[in-house]
Amino acid sequence: MKDFVLDQPIAQYITDHTTRPDALLDALAAETRQATGDRAGMQISPTQGRLLTMLTELLAPSVAVEVGTFTGYSSICLARGLRGGHLHCFDLSAEWTAMAERYWREAGVADRITLTLGPAVETLAGFEATIDLTFIDADKPNYPAYYELIMARLRPGGLILVDNTLWTGHVADPSRTDPSTQTMRDFNDLVIEDPRVTTTILPIADGLTMIRKND
C-alpha cells in the first residue's frame, strides 16, 4: 500500500470503501511492478486514481495536462474523466511511456491523449493552449518550474494537482533535513505563500495538493 501518512488500518479502510479500479488498471499496476521493480512506487495509488477521474469529470476540462506519465496509470484515470476534452502528457522516458501508450489503446482513450517526450521544463515552455486541469507527478526539484509554467497557462478557476507533497510525512518532521525533504517543504511553502491561489493538501497516499487559481 502506498499510503504513508495515514494510520495503516485507516488507509486500508479508505481503500476498501473506494470504488475499485477495473481489471485493466490492475493489470497495468501489476506489469509496472514487474517491469520497474522499486520504481513502481512512482505510480499513483488506486484511491488517487479514482479521485483524478472524479475531479476530471466534475471540472470537465477542455485542456488537461499531465507532467510525469510513467507507465500510464494516472493518465488513463484522467482521460477516462474527460468529456470531449484532451489530455496532453509530458514525460522524458520513451521506455516507460511505451507501456502507457499500449494501455491507452487497450483502455480506448488513446485518441484523447497527446504525448510529448523531452524535458518538461523545455516542452511546456512551448505549450500555448490555456489549461483547465493539471496533474504534476515528476522530478521533485523541478516542481517550482513546472508550477510556474502551468500557472502562466492556467485559466482562472483552473486546478493543479501535485503528488508526493507530504513526502512520507517527512515534511512535518523537523529532524528531517535531507535535500529531498527540504525540496518538498520549499515547494509547499511556495504554494501556500502564493496570493494567486487557494490550496489544500489531502493526506492520501503520499500527499496530494489541490491548487485552485483564483478568479
N, C-alpha and C. Protein backbone atom coordinates (compact mmCIF):
# COMPACT_ATOMS: atom_id res chain seq x y z
N MET A 1 0.85 -1.20 0.00
CA MET A 1 0.00 0.00 0.00
C MET A 1 0.88 1.25 0.00
N LYS A 2 0.49 2.24 -0.80
CA LYS A 2 1.30 3.44 -0.96
C LYS A 2 0.97 4.52 0.05
N ASP A 3 0.00 4.30 0.93
CA ASP A 3 -0.37 5.33 1.90
C ASP A 3 0.65 5.37 3.02
N PHE A 4 1.39 6.49 3.10
CA PHE A 4 2.48 6.59 4.05
C PHE A 4 2.13 7.40 5.29
N VAL A 5 1.15 8.28 5.20
CA VAL A 5 0.91 9.25 6.26
C VAL A 5 -0.19 8.80 7.20
N LEU A 6 -1.27 8.29 6.66
CA LEU A 6 -2.38 7.82 7.49
C LEU A 6 -2.00 6.56 8.25
N ASP A 7 -2.61 6.40 9.41
CA ASP A 7 -2.52 5.13 10.12
C ASP A 7 -2.97 4.01 9.16
N GLN A 8 -2.21 2.92 9.09
CA GLN A 8 -2.47 1.92 8.07
C GLN A 8 -3.87 1.30 8.12
N PRO A 9 -4.44 0.98 9.28
CA PRO A 9 -5.82 0.49 9.28
C PRO A 9 -6.80 1.49 8.68
N ILE A 10 -6.60 2.79 8.94
CA ILE A 10 -7.46 3.81 8.36
C ILE A 10 -7.26 3.88 6.86
N ALA A 11 -6.00 3.83 6.43
CA ALA A 11 -5.71 3.85 4.99
C ALA A 11 -6.35 2.66 4.29
N GLN A 12 -6.28 1.49 4.92
CA GLN A 12 -6.89 0.30 4.33
C GLN A 12 -8.41 0.45 4.29
N TYR A 13 -8.99 1.02 5.32
CA TYR A 13 -10.44 1.23 5.36
C TYR A 13 -10.87 2.14 4.21
N ILE A 14 -10.10 3.21 3.98
CA ILE A 14 -10.40 4.11 2.87
C ILE A 14 -10.31 3.37 1.54
N THR A 15 -9.28 2.57 1.38
CA THR A 15 -9.13 1.79 0.15
C THR A 15 -10.30 0.85 -0.04
N ASP A 16 -10.70 0.20 1.04
CA ASP A 16 -11.81 -0.76 0.97
C ASP A 16 -13.14 -0.09 0.65
N HIS A 17 -13.25 1.20 0.92
CA HIS A 17 -14.50 1.91 0.69
C HIS A 17 -14.39 2.93 -0.44
N THR A 18 -13.41 2.72 -1.29
CA THR A 18 -13.27 3.48 -2.53
C THR A 18 -13.53 2.55 -3.69
N THR A 19 -14.28 3.00 -4.69
CA THR A 19 -14.60 2.17 -5.84
C THR A 19 -13.32 1.58 -6.43
N ARG A 20 -13.32 0.29 -6.61
CA ARG A 20 -12.12 -0.44 -7.04
C ARG A 20 -11.74 -0.08 -8.47
N PRO A 21 -10.43 -0.11 -8.78
CA PRO A 21 -10.02 0.01 -10.17
C PRO A 21 -10.46 -1.22 -10.95
N ASP A 22 -10.60 -1.07 -12.25
CA ASP A 22 -11.02 -2.21 -13.07
C ASP A 22 -9.84 -3.11 -13.39
N ALA A 23 -10.12 -4.17 -14.13
CA ALA A 23 -9.09 -5.18 -14.42
C ALA A 23 -7.94 -4.60 -15.22
N LEU A 24 -8.22 -3.64 -16.10
CA LEU A 24 -7.15 -3.05 -16.91
C LEU A 24 -6.16 -2.28 -16.04
N LEU A 25 -6.65 -1.49 -15.11
CA LEU A 25 -5.74 -0.76 -14.23
C LEU A 25 -4.98 -1.71 -13.32
N ASP A 26 -5.65 -2.76 -12.85
CA ASP A 26 -4.94 -3.76 -12.04
C ASP A 26 -3.83 -4.42 -12.84
N ALA A 27 -4.09 -4.72 -14.10
CA ALA A 27 -3.08 -5.34 -14.95
C ALA A 27 -1.91 -4.39 -15.19
N LEU A 28 -2.22 -3.12 -15.41
CA LEU A 28 -1.15 -2.13 -15.61
C LEU A 28 -0.30 -2.00 -14.35
N ALA A 29 -0.93 -1.96 -13.19
CA ALA A 29 -0.18 -1.86 -11.94
C ALA A 29 0.72 -3.07 -11.75
N ALA A 30 0.20 -4.26 -12.06
CA ALA A 30 0.99 -5.49 -11.91
C ALA A 30 2.16 -5.50 -12.88
N GLU A 31 1.93 -5.12 -14.13
CA GLU A 31 3.02 -5.11 -15.10
C GLU A 31 4.06 -4.06 -14.74
N THR A 32 3.61 -2.93 -14.22
CA THR A 32 4.55 -1.89 -13.78
C THR A 32 5.45 -2.40 -12.67
N ARG A 33 4.87 -3.11 -11.70
CA ARG A 33 5.69 -3.68 -10.62
C ARG A 33 6.71 -4.67 -11.16
N GLN A 34 6.29 -5.49 -12.09
CA GLN A 34 7.18 -6.50 -12.65
C GLN A 34 8.29 -5.86 -13.49
N ALA A 35 7.95 -4.83 -14.24
CA ALA A 35 8.90 -4.24 -15.18
C ALA A 35 9.84 -3.23 -14.55
N THR A 36 9.38 -2.54 -13.50
CA THR A 36 10.16 -1.42 -12.98
C THR A 36 10.72 -1.64 -11.58
N GLY A 37 10.32 -2.73 -10.91
CA GLY A 37 10.87 -3.02 -9.59
C GLY A 37 10.56 -1.93 -8.59
N ASP A 38 11.60 -1.43 -7.93
CA ASP A 38 11.42 -0.42 -6.90
C ASP A 38 10.82 0.87 -7.43
N ARG A 39 10.99 1.12 -8.73
CA ARG A 39 10.44 2.35 -9.31
C ARG A 39 8.92 2.33 -9.39
N ALA A 40 8.32 1.17 -9.18
CA ALA A 40 6.86 1.08 -9.24
C ALA A 40 6.19 1.99 -8.22
N GLY A 41 6.92 2.37 -7.19
CA GLY A 41 6.38 3.30 -6.20
C GLY A 41 6.06 4.67 -6.77
N MET A 42 6.55 4.94 -8.00
CA MET A 42 6.23 6.22 -8.63
C MET A 42 4.80 6.24 -9.15
N GLN A 43 4.17 5.07 -9.25
CA GLN A 43 2.79 5.01 -9.73
C GLN A 43 1.83 5.47 -8.65
N ILE A 44 0.79 6.18 -9.04
CA ILE A 44 -0.18 6.65 -8.05
C ILE A 44 -0.96 5.47 -7.47
N SER A 45 -1.62 5.72 -6.35
CA SER A 45 -2.42 4.69 -5.70
C SER A 45 -3.80 4.62 -6.34
N PRO A 46 -4.52 3.50 -6.16
CA PRO A 46 -5.89 3.40 -6.69
C PRO A 46 -6.82 4.48 -6.14
N THR A 47 -6.65 4.87 -4.88
CA THR A 47 -7.51 5.93 -4.33
C THR A 47 -7.25 7.26 -5.03
N GLN A 48 -5.99 7.54 -5.33
CA GLN A 48 -5.68 8.76 -6.08
C GLN A 48 -6.26 8.68 -7.49
N GLY A 49 -6.14 7.51 -8.11
CA GLY A 49 -6.66 7.35 -9.45
C GLY A 49 -8.15 7.61 -9.52
N ARG A 50 -8.88 7.08 -8.55
CA ARG A 50 -10.32 7.30 -8.51
C ARG A 50 -10.63 8.80 -8.34
N LEU A 51 -9.85 9.47 -7.49
CA LEU A 51 -10.05 10.89 -7.27
C LEU A 51 -9.76 11.69 -8.55
N LEU A 52 -8.70 11.33 -9.26
CA LEU A 52 -8.38 12.03 -10.51
C LEU A 52 -9.53 11.93 -11.50
N THR A 53 -10.09 10.74 -11.64
CA THR A 53 -11.20 10.58 -12.57
C THR A 53 -12.40 11.42 -12.15
N MET A 54 -12.74 11.38 -10.86
CA MET A 54 -13.90 12.13 -10.39
C MET A 54 -13.71 13.63 -10.55
N LEU A 55 -12.52 14.13 -10.22
CA LEU A 55 -12.27 15.57 -10.36
C LEU A 55 -12.30 15.99 -11.82
N THR A 56 -11.79 15.15 -12.70
CA THR A 56 -11.84 15.47 -14.13
C THR A 56 -13.28 15.50 -14.61
N GLU A 57 -14.07 14.54 -14.17
CA GLU A 57 -15.49 14.54 -14.55
C GLU A 57 -16.19 15.80 -14.05
N LEU A 58 -15.88 16.22 -12.82
CA LEU A 58 -16.54 17.39 -12.24
C LEU A 58 -16.10 18.69 -12.91
N LEU A 59 -14.81 18.80 -13.22
CA LEU A 59 -14.28 20.03 -13.79
C LEU A 59 -14.55 20.13 -15.29
N ALA A 60 -14.70 18.98 -15.96
CA ALA A 60 -14.96 18.94 -17.41
C ALA A 60 -13.97 19.80 -18.20
N PRO A 61 -12.67 19.54 -18.07
CA PRO A 61 -11.69 20.39 -18.75
C PRO A 61 -11.70 20.18 -20.26
N SER A 62 -11.45 21.26 -20.98
CA SER A 62 -11.20 21.15 -22.41
C SER A 62 -9.74 20.75 -22.65
N VAL A 63 -8.85 21.32 -21.84
CA VAL A 63 -7.42 21.03 -21.95
C VAL A 63 -6.90 20.60 -20.59
N ALA A 64 -6.42 19.36 -20.52
CA ALA A 64 -5.79 18.84 -19.31
C ALA A 64 -4.34 18.53 -19.61
N VAL A 65 -3.49 18.66 -18.60
CA VAL A 65 -2.06 18.43 -18.76
C VAL A 65 -1.58 17.51 -17.65
N GLU A 66 -0.72 16.57 -18.02
CA GLU A 66 -0.05 15.73 -17.03
C GLU A 66 1.46 15.88 -17.21
N VAL A 67 2.14 16.20 -16.12
CA VAL A 67 3.60 16.30 -16.14
C VAL A 67 4.14 15.10 -15.36
N GLY A 68 4.68 14.13 -16.07
CA GLY A 68 5.15 12.89 -15.47
C GLY A 68 4.14 11.79 -15.68
N THR A 69 4.33 10.99 -16.71
CA THR A 69 3.34 9.99 -17.11
C THR A 69 3.70 8.59 -16.66
N PHE A 70 5.00 8.28 -16.58
CA PHE A 70 5.49 6.96 -16.18
C PHE A 70 4.84 5.89 -17.07
N THR A 71 4.16 4.90 -16.52
CA THR A 71 3.60 3.82 -17.34
C THR A 71 2.12 4.02 -17.65
N GLY A 72 1.54 5.13 -17.24
CA GLY A 72 0.23 5.49 -17.75
C GLY A 72 -0.97 5.36 -16.85
N TYR A 73 -0.80 4.93 -15.60
CA TYR A 73 -1.96 4.73 -14.73
C TYR A 73 -2.74 6.04 -14.54
N SER A 74 -2.05 7.09 -14.14
CA SER A 74 -2.74 8.36 -13.86
C SER A 74 -3.33 8.95 -15.13
N SER A 75 -2.65 8.81 -16.25
CA SER A 75 -3.19 9.38 -17.49
C SER A 75 -4.46 8.69 -17.92
N ILE A 76 -4.56 7.38 -17.71
CA ILE A 76 -5.81 6.67 -18.00
C ILE A 76 -6.93 7.19 -17.11
N CYS A 77 -6.62 7.38 -15.83
CA CYS A 77 -7.64 7.89 -14.89
C CYS A 77 -8.11 9.28 -15.30
N LEU A 78 -7.19 10.13 -15.70
CA LEU A 78 -7.56 11.46 -16.16
C LEU A 78 -8.37 11.39 -17.45
N ALA A 79 -7.88 10.63 -18.41
CA ALA A 79 -8.54 10.56 -19.73
C ALA A 79 -9.94 9.99 -19.62
N ARG A 80 -10.14 9.05 -18.72
CA ARG A 80 -11.48 8.47 -18.55
C ARG A 80 -12.49 9.49 -18.04
N GLY A 81 -12.00 10.52 -17.36
CA GLY A 81 -12.91 11.54 -16.85
C GLY A 81 -13.23 12.64 -17.85
N LEU A 82 -12.54 12.66 -18.98
CA LEU A 82 -12.77 13.71 -19.97
C LEU A 82 -14.12 13.54 -20.65
N ARG A 83 -14.73 14.65 -20.94
CA ARG A 83 -16.00 14.66 -21.67
C ARG A 83 -15.85 15.58 -22.87
N GLY A 84 -15.06 15.12 -23.85
CA GLY A 84 -14.80 15.91 -25.04
C GLY A 84 -13.50 16.69 -24.98
N GLY A 85 -12.83 16.71 -23.84
CA GLY A 85 -11.56 17.41 -23.72
C GLY A 85 -10.39 16.55 -24.17
N HIS A 86 -9.19 17.10 -24.02
CA HIS A 86 -7.98 16.40 -24.46
C HIS A 86 -6.90 16.50 -23.39
N LEU A 87 -6.15 15.42 -23.23
CA LEU A 87 -5.07 15.34 -22.24
C LEU A 87 -3.73 15.39 -22.95
N HIS A 88 -2.87 16.30 -22.50
CA HIS A 88 -1.52 16.43 -23.04
C HIS A 88 -0.53 15.93 -21.98
N CYS A 89 0.21 14.88 -22.30
CA CYS A 89 1.16 14.26 -21.36
C CYS A 89 2.58 14.65 -21.72
N PHE A 90 3.35 15.02 -20.70
CA PHE A 90 4.74 15.40 -20.88
C PHE A 90 5.61 14.48 -20.03
N ASP A 91 6.56 13.81 -20.68
CA ASP A 91 7.42 12.87 -19.96
C ASP A 91 8.76 12.77 -20.69
N LEU A 92 9.75 12.26 -19.99
CA LEU A 92 11.11 12.15 -20.54
C LEU A 92 11.40 10.77 -21.09
N SER A 93 10.71 9.73 -20.59
CA SER A 93 11.09 8.35 -20.86
C SER A 93 10.27 7.73 -21.99
N ALA A 94 10.93 7.41 -23.09
CA ALA A 94 10.26 6.68 -24.18
C ALA A 94 9.98 5.24 -23.75
N GLU A 95 10.83 4.69 -22.88
CA GLU A 95 10.67 3.29 -22.45
C GLU A 95 9.39 3.11 -21.65
N TRP A 96 9.20 3.93 -20.60
CA TRP A 96 8.03 3.72 -19.74
C TRP A 96 6.75 4.18 -20.42
N THR A 97 6.83 5.25 -21.21
CA THR A 97 5.61 5.71 -21.87
C THR A 97 5.17 4.78 -23.01
N ALA A 98 6.07 3.93 -23.48
CA ALA A 98 5.65 2.92 -24.46
C ALA A 98 4.62 1.98 -23.84
N MET A 99 4.82 1.63 -22.57
CA MET A 99 3.82 0.84 -21.87
C MET A 99 2.53 1.64 -21.71
N ALA A 100 2.67 2.91 -21.38
CA ALA A 100 1.48 3.76 -21.24
C ALA A 100 0.68 3.79 -22.53
N GLU A 101 1.36 3.97 -23.67
CA GLU A 101 0.66 4.05 -24.94
C GLU A 101 -0.08 2.76 -25.26
N ARG A 102 0.53 1.65 -24.91
CA ARG A 102 -0.12 0.35 -25.15
C ARG A 102 -1.40 0.24 -24.33
N TYR A 103 -1.35 0.67 -23.07
CA TYR A 103 -2.54 0.60 -22.22
C TYR A 103 -3.57 1.67 -22.60
N TRP A 104 -3.12 2.82 -23.10
CA TRP A 104 -4.09 3.81 -23.59
C TRP A 104 -4.95 3.21 -24.69
N ARG A 105 -4.29 2.50 -25.62
CA ARG A 105 -5.04 1.88 -26.71
C ARG A 105 -6.00 0.83 -26.17
N GLU A 106 -5.51 0.02 -25.23
CA GLU A 106 -6.37 -1.03 -24.67
C GLU A 106 -7.55 -0.44 -23.91
N ALA A 107 -7.32 0.70 -23.26
CA ALA A 107 -8.39 1.35 -22.50
C ALA A 107 -9.34 2.15 -23.38
N GLY A 108 -8.99 2.31 -24.65
CA GLY A 108 -9.85 3.06 -25.56
C GLY A 108 -9.79 4.56 -25.38
N VAL A 109 -8.66 5.08 -24.84
CA VAL A 109 -8.54 6.52 -24.60
C VAL A 109 -7.40 7.16 -25.38
N ALA A 110 -6.76 6.40 -26.26
CA ALA A 110 -5.58 6.91 -26.96
C ALA A 110 -5.90 8.15 -27.79
N ASP A 111 -7.11 8.23 -28.31
CA ASP A 111 -7.49 9.37 -29.14
C ASP A 111 -7.70 10.64 -28.32
N ARG A 112 -7.71 10.52 -27.00
CA ARG A 112 -7.89 11.69 -26.13
C ARG A 112 -6.55 12.20 -25.58
N ILE A 113 -5.45 11.56 -25.96
CA ILE A 113 -4.16 11.85 -25.32
C ILE A 113 -3.11 12.16 -26.38
N THR A 114 -2.32 13.22 -26.11
CA THR A 114 -1.13 13.53 -26.91
C THR A 114 0.08 13.47 -25.99
N LEU A 115 1.07 12.69 -26.39
CA LEU A 115 2.30 12.54 -25.61
C LEU A 115 3.41 13.36 -26.22
N THR A 116 4.10 14.15 -25.39
CA THR A 116 5.27 14.91 -25.81
C THR A 116 6.46 14.44 -24.99
N LEU A 117 7.50 13.93 -25.66
CA LEU A 117 8.69 13.45 -24.97
C LEU A 117 9.76 14.54 -24.94
N GLY A 118 10.49 14.58 -23.82
CA GLY A 118 11.57 15.54 -23.66
C GLY A 118 11.49 16.17 -22.28
N PRO A 119 12.50 16.96 -21.90
CA PRO A 119 12.48 17.64 -20.61
C PRO A 119 11.27 18.57 -20.53
N ALA A 120 10.41 18.36 -19.55
CA ALA A 120 9.15 19.10 -19.49
C ALA A 120 9.35 20.60 -19.29
N VAL A 121 10.45 21.00 -18.66
CA VAL A 121 10.72 22.42 -18.50
C VAL A 121 10.84 23.08 -19.87
N GLU A 122 11.37 22.34 -20.83
CA GLU A 122 11.51 22.88 -22.19
C GLU A 122 10.24 22.72 -23.00
N THR A 123 9.62 21.53 -22.94
CA THR A 123 8.47 21.28 -23.79
C THR A 123 7.24 22.06 -23.33
N LEU A 124 7.07 22.23 -22.03
CA LEU A 124 5.96 23.02 -21.53
C LEU A 124 6.09 24.49 -21.91
N ALA A 125 7.32 24.96 -22.03
CA ALA A 125 7.54 26.35 -22.41
C ALA A 125 6.97 26.66 -23.79
N GLY A 126 6.87 25.64 -24.63
CA GLY A 126 6.32 25.84 -25.96
C GLY A 126 4.85 25.50 -26.07
N PHE A 127 4.21 25.18 -24.97
CA PHE A 127 2.79 24.80 -24.98
C PHE A 127 1.95 26.08 -24.89
N GLU A 128 1.07 26.29 -25.85
CA GLU A 128 0.40 27.59 -25.95
C GLU A 128 -1.06 27.58 -25.55
N ALA A 129 -1.65 26.41 -25.32
CA ALA A 129 -3.08 26.36 -25.01
C ALA A 129 -3.35 26.82 -23.57
N THR A 130 -4.54 27.31 -23.35
CA THR A 130 -5.00 27.62 -21.99
C THR A 130 -5.39 26.32 -21.31
N ILE A 131 -4.90 26.12 -20.08
CA ILE A 131 -5.06 24.86 -19.37
C ILE A 131 -6.18 24.97 -18.33
N ASP A 132 -6.97 23.92 -18.22
CA ASP A 132 -8.05 23.86 -17.22
C ASP A 132 -7.67 23.02 -16.00
N LEU A 133 -6.90 21.95 -16.24
CA LEU A 133 -6.57 20.98 -15.18
C LEU A 133 -5.19 20.42 -15.43
N THR A 134 -4.40 20.31 -14.36
CA THR A 134 -3.04 19.75 -14.47
C THR A 134 -2.78 18.79 -13.32
N PHE A 135 -2.08 17.70 -13.63
CA PHE A 135 -1.57 16.79 -12.61
C PHE A 135 -0.06 16.75 -12.75
N ILE A 136 0.66 17.09 -11.67
CA ILE A 136 2.12 17.09 -11.66
C ILE A 136 2.62 15.96 -10.78
N ASP A 137 3.39 15.06 -11.37
CA ASP A 137 3.97 13.93 -10.64
C ASP A 137 5.26 13.53 -11.34
N ALA A 138 6.27 14.38 -11.20
CA ALA A 138 7.52 14.19 -11.94
C ALA A 138 8.70 14.44 -10.99
N ASP A 139 9.86 14.79 -11.55
CA ASP A 139 11.05 15.01 -10.74
C ASP A 139 10.83 16.20 -9.80
N LYS A 140 11.07 15.97 -8.53
CA LYS A 140 10.68 16.93 -7.50
C LYS A 140 11.45 18.25 -7.55
N PRO A 141 12.76 18.26 -7.85
CA PRO A 141 13.46 19.55 -7.88
C PRO A 141 12.88 20.53 -8.91
N ASN A 142 12.22 20.02 -9.93
CA ASN A 142 11.64 20.90 -10.94
C ASN A 142 10.19 21.27 -10.67
N TYR A 143 9.64 20.84 -9.54
CA TYR A 143 8.26 21.21 -9.23
C TYR A 143 8.01 22.72 -9.31
N PRO A 144 8.86 23.56 -8.73
CA PRO A 144 8.60 25.01 -8.83
C PRO A 144 8.55 25.49 -10.28
N ALA A 145 9.44 24.96 -11.12
CA ALA A 145 9.45 25.37 -12.53
C ALA A 145 8.18 24.92 -13.23
N TYR A 146 7.77 23.66 -12.99
CA TYR A 146 6.52 23.18 -13.60
C TYR A 146 5.34 24.01 -13.12
N TYR A 147 5.33 24.31 -11.85
CA TYR A 147 4.24 25.09 -11.26
C TYR A 147 4.10 26.44 -11.96
N GLU A 148 5.20 27.13 -12.13
CA GLU A 148 5.14 28.45 -12.75
C GLU A 148 4.76 28.37 -14.22
N LEU A 149 5.27 27.37 -14.92
CA LEU A 149 4.90 27.20 -16.33
C LEU A 149 3.41 26.91 -16.48
N ILE A 150 2.88 26.09 -15.59
CA ILE A 150 1.44 25.78 -15.64
C ILE A 150 0.62 27.01 -15.23
N MET A 151 1.02 27.69 -14.17
CA MET A 151 0.27 28.85 -13.70
C MET A 151 0.15 29.91 -14.78
N ALA A 152 1.18 30.09 -15.59
CA ALA A 152 1.15 31.09 -16.66
C ALA A 152 0.12 30.74 -17.73
N ARG A 153 -0.28 29.47 -17.78
CA ARG A 153 -1.20 29.00 -18.82
C ARG A 153 -2.55 28.56 -18.26
N LEU A 154 -2.68 28.55 -16.94
CA LEU A 154 -3.89 28.05 -16.29
C LEU A 154 -4.96 29.12 -16.28
N ARG A 155 -6.18 28.74 -16.65
CA ARG A 155 -7.27 29.71 -16.62
C ARG A 155 -7.67 30.02 -15.18
N PRO A 156 -8.24 31.19 -14.93
CA PRO A 156 -8.79 31.46 -13.60
C PRO A 156 -9.84 30.40 -13.24
N GLY A 157 -9.75 29.88 -12.04
CA GLY A 157 -10.62 28.79 -11.62
C GLY A 157 -10.09 27.42 -11.99
N GLY A 158 -8.98 27.37 -12.71
CA GLY A 158 -8.37 26.09 -13.07
C GLY A 158 -7.71 25.43 -11.88
N LEU A 159 -7.42 24.14 -12.03
CA LEU A 159 -6.94 23.32 -10.91
C LEU A 159 -5.61 22.66 -11.24
N ILE A 160 -4.70 22.71 -10.28
CA ILE A 160 -3.43 21.96 -10.34
C ILE A 160 -3.44 20.94 -9.21
N LEU A 161 -3.12 19.70 -9.54
CA LEU A 161 -2.97 18.64 -8.56
C LEU A 161 -1.50 18.22 -8.54
N VAL A 162 -0.92 18.12 -7.35
CA VAL A 162 0.50 17.82 -7.22
C VAL A 162 0.70 16.65 -6.27
N ASP A 163 1.42 15.64 -6.72
CA ASP A 163 1.61 14.42 -5.93
C ASP A 163 2.87 14.50 -5.06
N ASN A 164 2.89 13.68 -4.02
CA ASN A 164 4.05 13.46 -3.13
C ASN A 164 4.39 14.64 -2.24
N THR A 165 3.42 15.49 -1.95
CA THR A 165 3.73 16.71 -1.21
C THR A 165 3.87 16.52 0.30
N LEU A 166 3.54 15.34 0.79
CA LEU A 166 3.82 15.04 2.21
C LEU A 166 5.10 14.24 2.39
N TRP A 167 5.60 13.67 1.30
CA TRP A 167 6.93 13.02 1.29
C TRP A 167 7.08 12.04 2.45
N THR A 168 6.18 11.07 2.47
CA THR A 168 6.07 10.05 3.52
C THR A 168 5.98 10.65 4.93
N GLY A 169 5.47 11.87 5.02
CA GLY A 169 5.33 12.55 6.30
C GLY A 169 6.56 13.30 6.75
N HIS A 170 7.65 13.20 6.01
CA HIS A 170 8.91 13.81 6.44
C HIS A 170 8.86 15.33 6.45
N VAL A 171 7.98 15.92 5.62
CA VAL A 171 7.93 17.38 5.58
C VAL A 171 7.54 17.98 6.93
N ALA A 172 6.83 17.21 7.74
CA ALA A 172 6.38 17.70 9.05
C ALA A 172 7.31 17.32 10.18
N ASP A 173 8.43 16.69 9.86
CA ASP A 173 9.38 16.22 10.87
C ASP A 173 10.61 17.13 10.87
N PRO A 174 10.77 17.99 11.88
CA PRO A 174 11.89 18.94 11.90
C PRO A 174 13.26 18.26 11.87
N SER A 175 13.32 17.00 12.30
CA SER A 175 14.61 16.31 12.31
C SER A 175 15.06 15.88 10.92
N ARG A 176 14.15 15.92 9.96
CA ARG A 176 14.50 15.53 8.59
C ARG A 176 15.04 16.75 7.86
N THR A 177 16.33 16.73 7.56
CA THR A 177 16.98 17.86 6.90
C THR A 177 17.61 17.48 5.57
N ASP A 178 17.28 16.30 5.05
CA ASP A 178 17.87 15.85 3.79
C ASP A 178 17.35 16.72 2.64
N PRO A 179 18.10 16.79 1.54
CA PRO A 179 17.72 17.67 0.43
C PRO A 179 16.36 17.35 -0.18
N SER A 180 16.00 16.08 -0.29
CA SER A 180 14.73 15.71 -0.90
C SER A 180 13.55 16.23 -0.08
N THR A 181 13.64 16.06 1.25
CA THR A 181 12.58 16.56 2.12
C THR A 181 12.50 18.07 2.05
N GLN A 182 13.65 18.74 2.06
CA GLN A 182 13.65 20.20 2.02
C GLN A 182 13.10 20.71 0.70
N THR A 183 13.34 19.98 -0.38
CA THR A 183 12.79 20.36 -1.68
C THR A 183 11.27 20.41 -1.63
N MET A 184 10.67 19.39 -1.00
CA MET A 184 9.21 19.37 -0.91
C MET A 184 8.69 20.44 0.05
N ARG A 185 9.39 20.67 1.15
CA ARG A 185 8.98 21.74 2.05
C ARG A 185 9.00 23.09 1.32
N ASP A 186 10.06 23.32 0.57
CA ASP A 186 10.18 24.59 -0.15
C ASP A 186 9.05 24.76 -1.16
N PHE A 187 8.70 23.67 -1.83
CA PHE A 187 7.61 23.76 -2.80
C PHE A 187 6.29 24.06 -2.08
N ASN A 188 6.02 23.34 -1.00
CA ASN A 188 4.79 23.58 -0.25
C ASN A 188 4.71 25.01 0.27
N ASP A 189 5.85 25.55 0.71
CA ASP A 189 5.89 26.93 1.17
C ASP A 189 5.62 27.90 0.01
N LEU A 190 6.18 27.59 -1.15
CA LEU A 190 5.95 28.43 -2.32
C LEU A 190 4.46 28.53 -2.63
N VAL A 191 3.78 27.40 -2.57
CA VAL A 191 2.35 27.39 -2.92
C VAL A 191 1.52 28.14 -1.89
N ILE A 192 1.74 27.86 -0.60
CA ILE A 192 0.90 28.49 0.42
C ILE A 192 1.13 30.00 0.49
N GLU A 193 2.28 30.46 0.03
CA GLU A 193 2.57 31.89 0.06
C GLU A 193 2.18 32.60 -1.24
N ASP A 194 1.63 31.86 -2.19
CA ASP A 194 1.28 32.43 -3.49
C ASP A 194 -0.11 33.06 -3.43
N PRO A 195 -0.24 34.37 -3.57
CA PRO A 195 -1.55 35.02 -3.45
C PRO A 195 -2.48 34.74 -4.63
N ARG A 196 -1.95 34.08 -5.66
CA ARG A 196 -2.77 33.80 -6.85
C ARG A 196 -3.66 32.59 -6.67
N VAL A 197 -3.47 31.83 -5.57
CA VAL A 197 -4.14 30.53 -5.48
C VAL A 197 -4.77 30.31 -4.11
N THR A 198 -5.68 29.32 -4.09
CA THR A 198 -6.23 28.74 -2.86
C THR A 198 -5.85 27.27 -2.87
N THR A 199 -5.38 26.75 -1.74
CA THR A 199 -4.80 25.41 -1.77
C THR A 199 -5.10 24.61 -0.52
N THR A 200 -5.05 23.29 -0.66
CA THR A 200 -5.15 22.37 0.47
C THR A 200 -4.38 21.11 0.13
N ILE A 201 -3.91 20.39 1.15
CA ILE A 201 -3.21 19.12 0.96
C ILE A 201 -4.11 18.00 1.47
N LEU A 202 -4.37 17.03 0.61
CA LEU A 202 -5.13 15.85 1.00
C LEU A 202 -4.17 14.76 1.47
N PRO A 203 -4.39 14.18 2.67
CA PRO A 203 -3.44 13.19 3.21
C PRO A 203 -3.71 11.77 2.70
N ILE A 204 -3.83 11.61 1.40
CA ILE A 204 -3.96 10.27 0.83
C ILE A 204 -2.67 9.91 0.11
N ALA A 205 -2.37 8.60 0.11
CA ALA A 205 -1.12 8.11 -0.49
C ALA A 205 0.06 8.89 0.10
N ASP A 206 0.82 9.60 -0.74
CA ASP A 206 1.98 10.35 -0.25
C ASP A 206 1.71 11.84 -0.21
N GLY A 207 0.42 12.20 -0.13
CA GLY A 207 0.04 13.60 -0.11
C GLY A 207 -0.29 14.12 -1.49
N LEU A 208 -1.49 14.66 -1.66
CA LEU A 208 -1.92 15.21 -2.94
C LEU A 208 -2.41 16.64 -2.69
N THR A 209 -1.71 17.61 -3.26
CA THR A 209 -2.09 19.01 -3.09
C THR A 209 -3.04 19.43 -4.20
N MET A 210 -4.12 20.11 -3.79
CA MET A 210 -5.07 20.70 -4.74
C MET A 210 -4.86 22.21 -4.71
N ILE A 211 -4.64 22.79 -5.88
CA ILE A 211 -4.34 24.21 -6.00
C ILE A 211 -5.29 24.83 -7.03
N ARG A 212 -6.14 25.73 -6.58
CA ARG A 212 -7.08 26.41 -7.48
C ARG A 212 -6.59 27.82 -7.75
N LYS A 213 -6.49 28.16 -9.03
CA LYS A 213 -6.11 29.54 -9.39
C LYS A 213 -7.31 30.45 -9.14
N ASN A 214 -7.08 31.49 -8.38
CA ASN A 214 -8.18 32.38 -8.01
C ASN A 214 -8.74 33.09 -9.24
N ASP A 215 -10.03 33.39 -9.17
CA ASP A 215 -10.70 34.10 -10.27
C ASP A 215 -10.20 35.53 -10.36
